[in-house]
Amino acid sequence: MPDSDSSGCTVWGLIAALDPLPLFAAFRAHRQSTRFILSNEMLRKKAQRLNQENQALLSELKQKLSKTNSNASSSSTTNTVNSNKP
């Protein structure tokens, strides 16, 4: 008998004798934990994508500001040189 112990009780008989409510509660808790883990993974991936997008946008903004400051600086230098001419 592969499904019995030394006393002759079957495994299925032991399972049937157990109160199913704690087993059901454990199953529900496990299922909920699995959902939380999957949800956390999805949120972590989304946060990583948003962070990458934010970094790219910040880099783009810095480049634009650098060009603007560079243009403003050369413009003011040209104006200063032209205003010093008699």
Protein backbone atom coordinates (compact mmCIF):
# COMPACT_ATOMS: atom_id res chain seq x y z
CA MET A 1 0.00 0.00 0.00
CA PRO A 2 1.86 3.10 -1.16
CA ASP A 3 -0.57 5.61 0.39
CA SER A 4 -0.60 4.22 3.92
CA ASP A 5 1.61 4.53 6.99
CA SER A 6 2.70 1.76 9.39
CA SER A 7 -0.65 1.78 11.21
CA GLY A 8 -2.58 1.12 8.00
CA CYS A 9 -4.19 4.57 7.82
CA THR A 10 -4.28 6.04 4.35
CA VAL A 11 -2.99 9.48 3.62
CA TRP A 12 -6.33 10.41 2.10
CA GLY A 13 -8.08 9.30 5.27
CA LEU A 14 -5.81 11.56 7.32
CA ILE A 15 -6.45 14.49 4.99
CA ALA A 16 -10.19 13.92 5.14
CA ALA A 17 -10.03 13.85 8.94
CA LEU A 18 -8.41 17.29 9.04
CA ASP A 19 -10.58 20.34 9.47
CA PRO A 20 -10.73 21.90 5.98
CA LEU A 21 -11.20 25.48 7.22
CA PRO A 22 -7.59 26.07 8.31
CA LEU A 23 -6.39 24.50 5.06
CA PHE A 24 -8.67 26.77 3.08
CA ALA A 25 -7.50 29.80 5.03
CA ALA A 26 -3.87 28.84 4.40
CA PHE A 27 -4.61 28.37 0.70
CA ARG A 28 -6.28 31.78 0.51
CA ALA A 29 -3.37 33.42 2.36
CA HIS A 30 -0.90 31.78 -0.01
CA ARG A 31 -2.89 32.89 -3.04
CA GLN A 32 -3.11 36.45 -1.72
CA SER A 33 0.63 36.49 -1.01
CA THR A 34 1.31 35.31 -4.55
CA ARG A 35 -0.88 38.12 -5.91
CA PHE A 36 1.00 40.67 -3.78
CA ILE A 37 4.36 39.38 -5.02
CA LEU A 38 3.25 39.57 -8.66
CA SER A 39 1.75 43.02 -8.15
CA ASN A 40 4.96 44.24 -6.49
CA GLU A 41 7.02 42.91 -9.40
CA MET A 42 4.82 44.75 -11.90
CA LEU A 43 5.00 47.97 -9.88
CA ARG A 44 8.78 47.68 -9.52
CA LYS A 45 9.16 47.25 -13.30
CA LYS A 46 6.87 50.22 -13.92
CA ALA A 47 8.85 52.34 -11.44
CA GLN A 48 12.09 51.39 -13.21
CA ARG A 49 10.63 52.39 -16.59
CA LEU A 50 9.38 55.71 -15.19
CA ASN A 51 12.74 56.36 -13.57
CA GLN A 52 14.53 55.73 -16.88
CA GLU A 53 12.09 58.05 -18.66
CA ASN A 54 12.59 60.74 -16.01
CA GLN A 55 16.38 60.46 -16.30
CA ALA A 56 16.16 60.80 -20.10
CA LEU A 57 13.88 63.84 -19.81
CA LEU A 58 16.15 65.42 -17.20
CA SER A 59 19.17 64.90 -19.44
CA GLU A 60 17.31 66.44 -22.38
CA LEU A 61 16.27 69.42 -20.26
CA LYS A 62 19.82 69.95 -19.03
CA GLN A 63 21.10 69.90 -22.62
CA LYS A 64 18.50 72.47 -23.68
CA LEU A 65 19.29 74.70 -20.70
CA SER A 66 22.99 74.42 -21.44
CA LYS A 67 22.41 75.48 -25.06
CA THR A 68 20.18 78.36 -23.93
CA ASN A 69 22.76 79.56 -21.42
CA SER A 70 25.51 79.20 -24.01
CA ASN A 71 23.54 81.24 -26.56
CA ALA A 72 22.67 83.91 -23.98
CA SER A 73 26.29 84.17 -22.93
CA SER A 74 27.61 84.62 -26.48
CA SER A 75 24.80 87.07 -27.24
CA SER A 76 25.67 89.26 -24.26
CA THR A 77 29.36 89.15 -25.20
CA THR A 78 28.53 90.32 -28.73
CA ASN A 79 26.34 93.12 -27.38
CA THR A 80 29.10 94.27 -25.02
CA VAL A 81 31.68 94.32 -27.82
CA ASN A 82 29.33 96.25 -30.14
CA SER A 83 28.39 98.80 -27.50
CA ASN A 84 32.06 99.62 -26.82
CA LYS A 85 32.64 100.69 -30.45
CA PRO A 86 32.61 104.49 -31.03
